[in-house]
PDB file of all heavy atoms in Angstrom:
ATOM      1  N   ASN A   1       0.838  -1.198   0.001  1.00  0.00           N
ATOM      2  CA  ASN A   1      -0.004  -0.010   0.004  1.00  0.00           C
ATOM      3  C   ASN A   1       0.849   1.260  -0.002  1.00  0.00           C
ATOM      4  O   ASN A   1       0.588   2.226  -0.705  1.00  0.00           O
ATOM      5  CB  ASN A   1      -0.938   0.010   1.211  1.00  0.00           C
ATOM      6  CG  ASN A   1      -2.008  -1.063   1.090  1.00  0.00           C
ATOM      7  OD1 ASN A   1      -2.410  -1.397  -0.008  1.00  0.00           O
ATOM      8  ND2 ASN A   1      -2.527  -1.524   2.246  1.00  0.00           N
ATOM      9  N   GLU A   2       1.929   1.210   0.805  1.00  0.00           N
ATOM     10  CA  GLU A   2       2.848   2.413   0.850  1.00  0.00           C
ATOM     11  C   GLU A   2       3.506   2.616  -0.498  1.00  0.00           C
ATOM     12  O   GLU A   2       3.624   3.734  -1.022  1.00  0.00           O
ATOM     13  CB  GLU A   2       3.906   2.228   1.914  1.00  0.00           C
ATOM     14  CG  GLU A   2       3.310   2.289   3.347  1.00  0.00           C
ATOM     15  CD  GLU A   2       4.332   1.949   4.418  1.00  0.00           C
ATOM     16  OE1 GLU A   2       5.361   1.401   4.005  1.00  0.00           O
ATOM     17  OE2 GLU A   2       4.101   2.244   5.562  1.00  0.00           O
ATOM     18  N   ALA A   3       3.967   1.476  -1.103  1.00  0.00           N
ATOM     19  CA  ALA A   3       4.631   1.582  -2.432  1.00  0.00           C
ATOM     20  C   ALA A   3       3.608   2.087  -3.479  1.00  0.00           C
ATOM     21  O   ALA A   3       3.930   2.859  -4.354  1.00  0.00           O
ATOM     22  CB  ALA A   3       5.217   0.268  -2.833  1.00  0.00           C
ATOM     23  N   LYS A   4       2.385   1.591  -3.325  1.00  0.00           N
ATOM     24  CA  LYS A   4       1.323   1.945  -4.299  1.00  0.00           C
ATOM     25  C   LYS A   4       1.072   3.480  -4.205  1.00  0.00           C
ATOM     26  O   LYS A   4       0.906   4.164  -5.204  1.00  0.00           O
ATOM     27  CB  LYS A   4       0.076   1.207  -3.973  1.00  0.00           C
ATOM     28  CG  LYS A   4      -1.057   1.407  -4.976  1.00  0.00           C
ATOM     29  CD  LYS A   4      -2.221   0.493  -4.635  1.00  0.00           C
ATOM     30  CE  LYS A   4      -3.360   0.645  -5.676  1.00  0.00           C
ATOM     31  NZ  LYS A   4      -4.492  -0.235  -5.330  1.00  0.00           N
ATOM     32  N   GLU A   5       1.066   4.025  -2.961  1.00  0.00           N
ATOM     33  CA  GLU A   5       0.858   5.454  -2.781  1.00  0.00           C
ATOM     34  C   GLU A   5       1.969   6.267  -3.473  1.00  0.00           C
ATOM     35  O   GLU A   5       1.712   7.298  -4.081  1.00  0.00           O
ATOM     36  CB  GLU A   5       0.736   5.791  -1.303  1.00  0.00           C
ATOM     37  CG  GLU A   5      -0.534   5.290  -0.671  1.00  0.00           C
ATOM     38  CD  GLU A   5      -0.582   5.596   0.796  1.00  0.00           C
ATOM     39  OE1 GLU A   5       0.410   6.194   1.321  1.00  0.00           O
ATOM     40  OE2 GLU A   5      -1.588   5.238   1.483  1.00  0.00           O
ATOM     41  N   ILE A   6       3.223   5.781  -3.381  1.00  0.00           N
ATOM     42  CA  ILE A   6       4.341   6.490  -3.992  1.00  0.00           C
ATOM     43  C   ILE A   6       4.212   6.502  -5.486  1.00  0.00           C
ATOM     44  O   ILE A   6       4.369   7.540  -6.152  1.00  0.00           O
ATOM     45  CB  ILE A   6       5.677   5.813  -3.543  1.00  0.00           C
ATOM     46  CG1 ILE A   6       5.891   6.019  -2.065  1.00  0.00           C
ATOM     47  CG2 ILE A   6       6.831   6.403  -4.352  1.00  0.00           C
ATOM     48  CD1 ILE A   6       7.092   5.261  -1.513  1.00  0.00           C
ATOM     49  N   VAL A   7       3.855   5.354  -6.059  1.00  0.00           N
ATOM     50  CA  VAL A   7       3.719   5.276  -7.504  1.00  0.00           C
ATOM     51  C   VAL A   7       2.559   6.109  -7.963  1.00  0.00           C
ATOM     52  O   VAL A   7       2.671   6.847  -8.985  1.00  0.00           O
ATOM     53  CB  VAL A   7       3.524   3.795  -7.929  1.00  0.00           C
ATOM     54  CG1 VAL A   7       3.207   3.714  -9.446  1.00  0.00           C
ATOM     55  CG2 VAL A   7       4.794   3.002  -7.636  1.00  0.00           C
ATOM     56  N   LEU A   8       1.418   6.060  -7.240  1.00  0.00           N
ATOM     57  CA  LEU A   8       0.284   6.884  -7.683  1.00  0.00           C
ATOM     58  C   LEU A   8       0.602   8.366  -7.555  1.00  0.00           C
ATOM     59  O   LEU A   8       0.127   9.150  -8.396  1.00  0.00           O
ATOM     60  CB  LEU A   8      -0.933   6.530  -6.787  1.00  0.00           C
ATOM     61  CG  LEU A   8      -1.535   5.122  -7.016  1.00  0.00           C
ATOM     62  CD1 LEU A   8      -2.687   4.877  -6.057  1.00  0.00           C
ATOM     63  CD2 LEU A   8      -2.060   5.032  -8.458  1.00  0.00           C
ATOM     64  N   ALA A   9       1.350   8.773  -6.573  1.00  0.00           N
ATOM     65  CA  ALA A   9       1.728  10.161  -6.479  1.00  0.00           C
ATOM     66  C   ALA A   9       2.585  10.603  -7.628  1.00  0.00           C
ATOM     67  O   ALA A   9       2.425  11.690  -8.162  1.00  0.00           O
ATOM     68  CB  ALA A   9       2.497  10.397  -5.129  1.00  0.00           C
ATOM     69  N   LYS A  10       3.510   9.670  -8.069  1.00  0.00           N
ATOM     70  CA  LYS A  10       4.327   9.981  -9.250  1.00  0.00           C
ATOM     71  C   LYS A  10       3.472  10.065 -10.499  1.00  0.00           C
ATOM     72  O   LYS A  10       3.653  10.952 -11.329  1.00  0.00           O
ATOM     73  CB  LYS A  10       5.386   8.877  -9.397  1.00  0.00           C
ATOM     74  CG  LYS A  10       6.405   9.134 -10.520  1.00  0.00           C
ATOM     75  CD  LYS A  10       7.252  10.363 -10.192  1.00  0.00           C
ATOM     76  CE  LYS A  10       8.294  10.613 -11.263  1.00  0.00           C
ATOM     77  NZ  LYS A  10       9.076  11.852 -11.005  1.00  0.00           N
ATOM     78  N   VAL A  11       2.525   9.132 -10.661  1.00  0.00           N
ATOM     79  CA  VAL A  11       1.665   9.174 -11.820  1.00  0.00           C
ATOM     80  C   VAL A  11       0.828  10.435 -11.814  1.00  0.00           C
ATOM     81  O   VAL A  11       0.621  11.073 -12.830  1.00  0.00           O
ATOM     82  CB  VAL A  11       0.733   7.888 -11.841  1.00  0.00           C
ATOM     83  CG1 VAL A  11      -0.321   8.050 -12.912  1.00  0.00           C
ATOM     84  CG2 VAL A  11       1.584   6.668 -12.069  1.00  0.00           C
ATOM     85  N   GLU A  12       0.315  10.827 -10.610  1.00  0.00           N
ATOM     86  CA  GLU A  12      -0.487  12.065 -10.507  1.00  0.00           C
ATOM     87  C   GLU A  12       0.367  13.270 -10.882  1.00  0.00           C
ATOM     88  O   GLU A  12      -0.149  14.187 -11.562  1.00  0.00           O
ATOM     89  CB  GLU A  12      -0.984  12.175  -9.085  1.00  0.00           C
ATOM     90  CG  GLU A  12      -1.859  13.427  -8.883  1.00  0.00           C
ATOM     91  CD  GLU A  12      -2.366  13.540  -7.469  1.00  0.00           C
ATOM     92  OE1 GLU A  12      -2.094  12.657  -6.654  1.00  0.00           O
ATOM     93  OE2 GLU A  12      -3.034  14.548  -7.162  1.00  0.00           O
ATOM     94  N   GLU A  13       1.604  13.283 -10.505  1.00  0.00           N
ATOM     95  CA  GLU A  13       2.511  14.397 -10.839  1.00  0.00           C
ATOM     96  C   GLU A  13       2.694  14.485 -12.372  1.00  0.00           C
ATOM     97  O   GLU A  13       2.617  15.546 -12.961  1.00  0.00           O
ATOM     98  CB  GLU A  13       3.854  14.208 -10.159  1.00  0.00           C
ATOM     99  CG  GLU A  13       4.834  15.362 -10.415  1.00  0.00           C
ATOM    100  CD  GLU A  13       6.141  15.134  -9.698  1.00  0.00           C
ATOM    101  OE1 GLU A  13       6.217  14.229  -8.876  1.00  0.00           O
ATOM    102  OE2 GLU A  13       7.061  15.913  -9.977  1.00  0.00           O
ATOM    103  N   GLN A  14       2.928  13.304 -12.991  1.00  0.00           N
ATOM    104  CA  GLN A  14       3.091  13.295 -14.437  1.00  0.00           C
ATOM    105  C   GLN A  14       1.779  13.685 -15.140  1.00  0.00           C
ATOM    106  O   GLN A  14       1.794  14.443 -16.091  1.00  0.00           O
ATOM    107  CB  GLN A  14       3.494  11.890 -14.925  1.00  0.00           C
ATOM    108  CG  GLN A  14       4.886  11.482 -14.469  1.00  0.00           C
ATOM    109  CD  GLN A  14       5.264  10.084 -14.869  1.00  0.00           C
ATOM    110  OE1 GLN A  14       4.392   9.342 -15.361  1.00  0.00           O
ATOM    111  NE2 GLN A  14       6.488   9.671 -14.625  1.00  0.00           N
ATOM    112  N   SER A  15       0.643  13.235 -14.627  1.00  0.00           N
ATOM    113  CA  SER A  15      -0.636  13.595 -15.215  1.00  0.00           C
ATOM    114  C   SER A  15      -0.917  15.096 -15.054  1.00  0.00           C
ATOM    115  O   SER A  15      -1.437  15.740 -15.945  1.00  0.00           O
ATOM    116  CB  SER A  15      -1.781  12.819 -14.539  1.00  0.00           C
ATOM    117  OG  SER A  15      -1.618  11.422 -14.706  1.00  0.00           O
ATOM    118  N   ARG A  16      -0.497  15.675 -13.933  1.00  0.00           N
ATOM    119  CA  ARG A  16      -0.646  17.096 -13.739  1.00  0.00           C
ATOM    120  C   ARG A  16       0.112  17.881 -14.782  1.00  0.00           C
ATOM    121  O   ARG A  16      -0.364  18.896 -15.310  1.00  0.00           O
ATOM    122  CB  ARG A  16      -0.178  17.475 -12.323  1.00  0.00           C
ATOM    123  CG  ARG A  16      -0.271  18.992 -12.082  1.00  0.00           C
ATOM    124  CD  ARG A  16       0.251  19.295 -10.662  1.00  0.00           C
ATOM    125  NE  ARG A  16       0.354  20.745 -10.460  1.00  0.00           N
ATOM    126  CZ  ARG A  16      -0.637  21.536 -10.098  1.00  0.00           C
ATOM    127  NH1 ARG A  16      -1.797  21.055  -9.907  1.00  0.00           N
ATOM    128  NH2 ARG A  16      -0.412  22.841  -9.941  1.00  0.00           N
ATOM    129  N   ALA A  17       1.317  17.392 -15.117  1.00  0.00           N
ATOM    130  CA  ALA A  17       2.094  18.092 -16.133  1.00  0.00           C
ATOM    131  C   ALA A  17       1.418  17.998 -17.509  1.00  0.00           C
ATOM    132  O   ALA A  17       1.352  18.982 -18.254  1.00  0.00           O
ATOM    133  CB  ALA A  17       3.503  17.458 -16.202  1.00  0.00           C
ATOM    134  N   GLU A  18       0.863  16.810 -17.825  1.00  0.00           N
ATOM    135  CA  GLU A  18       0.152  16.650 -19.098  1.00  0.00           C
ATOM    136  C   GLU A  18      -1.103  17.518 -19.136  1.00  0.00           C
ATOM    137  O   GLU A  18      -1.427  18.204 -20.128  1.00  0.00           O
ATOM    138  CB  GLU A  18      -0.262  15.206 -19.284  1.00  0.00           C
ATOM    139  CG  GLU A  18       0.990  14.243 -19.496  1.00  0.00           C
ATOM    140  CD  GLU A  18       0.564  12.833 -19.617  1.00  0.00           C
ATOM    141  OE1 GLU A  18      -0.649  12.553 -19.568  1.00  0.00           O
ATOM    142  OE2 GLU A  18       1.440  11.942 -19.796  1.00  0.00           O
ATOM    143  N   ILE A  19      -1.821  17.569 -17.989  1.00  0.00           N
ATOM    144  CA  ILE A  19      -3.003  18.408 -17.927  1.00  0.00           C
ATOM    145  C   ILE A  19      -2.643  19.852 -18.087  1.00  0.00           C
ATOM    146  O   ILE A  19      -3.315  20.619 -18.791  1.00  0.00           O
ATOM    147  CB  ILE A  19      -3.779  18.159 -16.613  1.00  0.00           C
ATOM    148  CG1 ILE A  19      -4.361  16.758 -16.583  1.00  0.00           C
ATOM    149  CG2 ILE A  19      -4.863  19.182 -16.401  1.00  0.00           C
ATOM    150  CD1 ILE A  19      -4.909  16.330 -15.247  1.00  0.00           C
ATOM    151  N   ALA A  20      -1.574  20.284 -17.418  1.00  0.00           N
ATOM    152  CA  ALA A  20      -1.164  21.660 -17.500  1.00  0.00           C
ATOM    153  C   ALA A  20      -0.768  22.013 -18.951  1.00  0.00           C
ATOM    154  O   ALA A  20      -1.120  23.142 -19.405  1.00  0.00           O
ATOM    155  CB  ALA A  20       0.040  21.896 -16.591  1.00  0.00           C
ATOM    156  N   HIS A  21      -0.112  21.103 -19.636  1.00  0.00           N
ATOM    157  CA  HIS A  21       0.258  21.339 -21.028  1.00  0.00           C
ATOM    158  C   HIS A  21      -0.989  21.508 -21.891  1.00  0.00           C
ATOM    159  O   HIS A  21      -1.074  22.406 -22.725  1.00  0.00           O
ATOM    160  CB  HIS A  21       1.102  20.206 -21.534  1.00  0.00           C
ATOM    161  CG  HIS A  21       1.551  20.357 -22.996  1.00  0.00           C
ATOM    162  ND1 HIS A  21       2.445  21.298 -23.372  1.00  0.00           N
ATOM    163  CD2 HIS A  21       1.133  19.704 -24.120  1.00  0.00           C
ATOM    164  CE1 HIS A  21       2.597  21.189 -24.694  1.00  0.00           C
ATOM    165  NE2 HIS A  21       1.808  20.267 -25.167  1.00  0.00           N
ATOM    166  N   THR A  22      -1.998  20.615 -21.698  1.00  0.00           N
ATOM    167  CA  THR A  22      -3.242  20.702 -22.459  1.00  0.00           C
ATOM    168  C   THR A  22      -3.967  22.020 -22.146  1.00  0.00           C
ATOM    169  O   THR A  22      -4.466  22.664 -23.077  1.00  0.00           O
ATOM    170  CB  THR A  22      -4.127  19.486 -22.190  1.00  0.00           C
ATOM    171  OG1 THR A  22      -3.376  18.296 -22.441  1.00  0.00           O
ATOM    172  CG2 THR A  22      -5.366  19.548 -23.061  1.00  0.00           C
ATOM    173  N   VAL A  23      -4.061  22.336 -20.877  1.00  0.00           N
ATOM    174  CA  VAL A  23      -4.739  23.560 -20.473  1.00  0.00           C
ATOM    175  C   VAL A  23      -4.042  24.779 -21.084  1.00  0.00           C
ATOM    176  O   VAL A  23      -4.697  25.715 -21.579  1.00  0.00           O
ATOM    177  CB  VAL A  23      -4.784  23.701 -18.926  1.00  0.00           C
ATOM    178  CG1 VAL A  23      -5.201  25.100 -18.527  1.00  0.00           C
ATOM    179  CG2 VAL A  23      -5.726  22.650 -18.372  1.00  0.00           C
ATOM    180  N   ARG A  24      -2.733  24.746 -21.076  1.00  0.00           N
ATOM    181  CA  ARG A  24      -1.981  25.878 -21.638  1.00  0.00           C
ATOM    182  C   ARG A  24      -2.268  26.044 -23.125  1.00  0.00           C
ATOM    183  O   ARG A  24      -2.527  27.148 -23.636  1.00  0.00           O
ATOM    184  CB  ARG A  24      -0.507  25.648 -21.437  1.00  0.00           C
ATOM    185  CG  ARG A  24       0.417  26.750 -21.945  1.00  0.00           C
ATOM    186  CD  ARG A  24       1.859  26.384 -21.755  1.00  0.00           C
ATOM    187  NE  ARG A  24       2.716  27.441 -22.248  1.00  0.00           N
ATOM    188  CZ  ARG A  24       4.048  27.348 -22.288  1.00  0.00           C
ATOM    189  NH1 ARG A  24       4.658  26.269 -21.852  1.00  0.00           N
ATOM    190  NH2 ARG A  24       4.762  28.356 -22.748  1.00  0.00           N
ATOM    191  N   ARG A  25      -2.307  24.941 -23.852  1.00  0.00           N
ATOM    192  CA  ARG A  25      -2.536  25.031 -25.319  1.00  0.00           C
ATOM    193  C   ARG A  25      -3.974  25.518 -25.587  1.00  0.00           C
ATOM    194  O   ARG A  25      -4.189  26.449 -26.363  1.00  0.00           O
ATOM    195  CB  ARG A  25      -2.341  23.650 -25.941  1.00  0.00           C
ATOM    196  CG  ARG A  25      -2.619  23.595 -27.427  1.00  0.00           C
ATOM    197  CD  ARG A  25      -2.273  22.226 -27.980  1.00  0.00           C
ATOM    198  NE  ARG A  25      -3.029  21.176 -27.334  1.00  0.00           N
ATOM    199  CZ  ARG A  25      -4.333  20.851 -27.614  1.00  0.00           C
ATOM    200  NH1 ARG A  25      -4.983  21.541 -28.521  1.00  0.00           N
ATOM    201  NH2 ARG A  25      -4.925  19.860 -26.946  1.00  0.00           N
TER     202      ARG A  25
END
């Protein structure tokens, strides 16, 4: 569960960057 939370946080961070790029465009 702890490892899962770390991976999900990383995925969320990457998704935030993708969302930010789309929003910017």
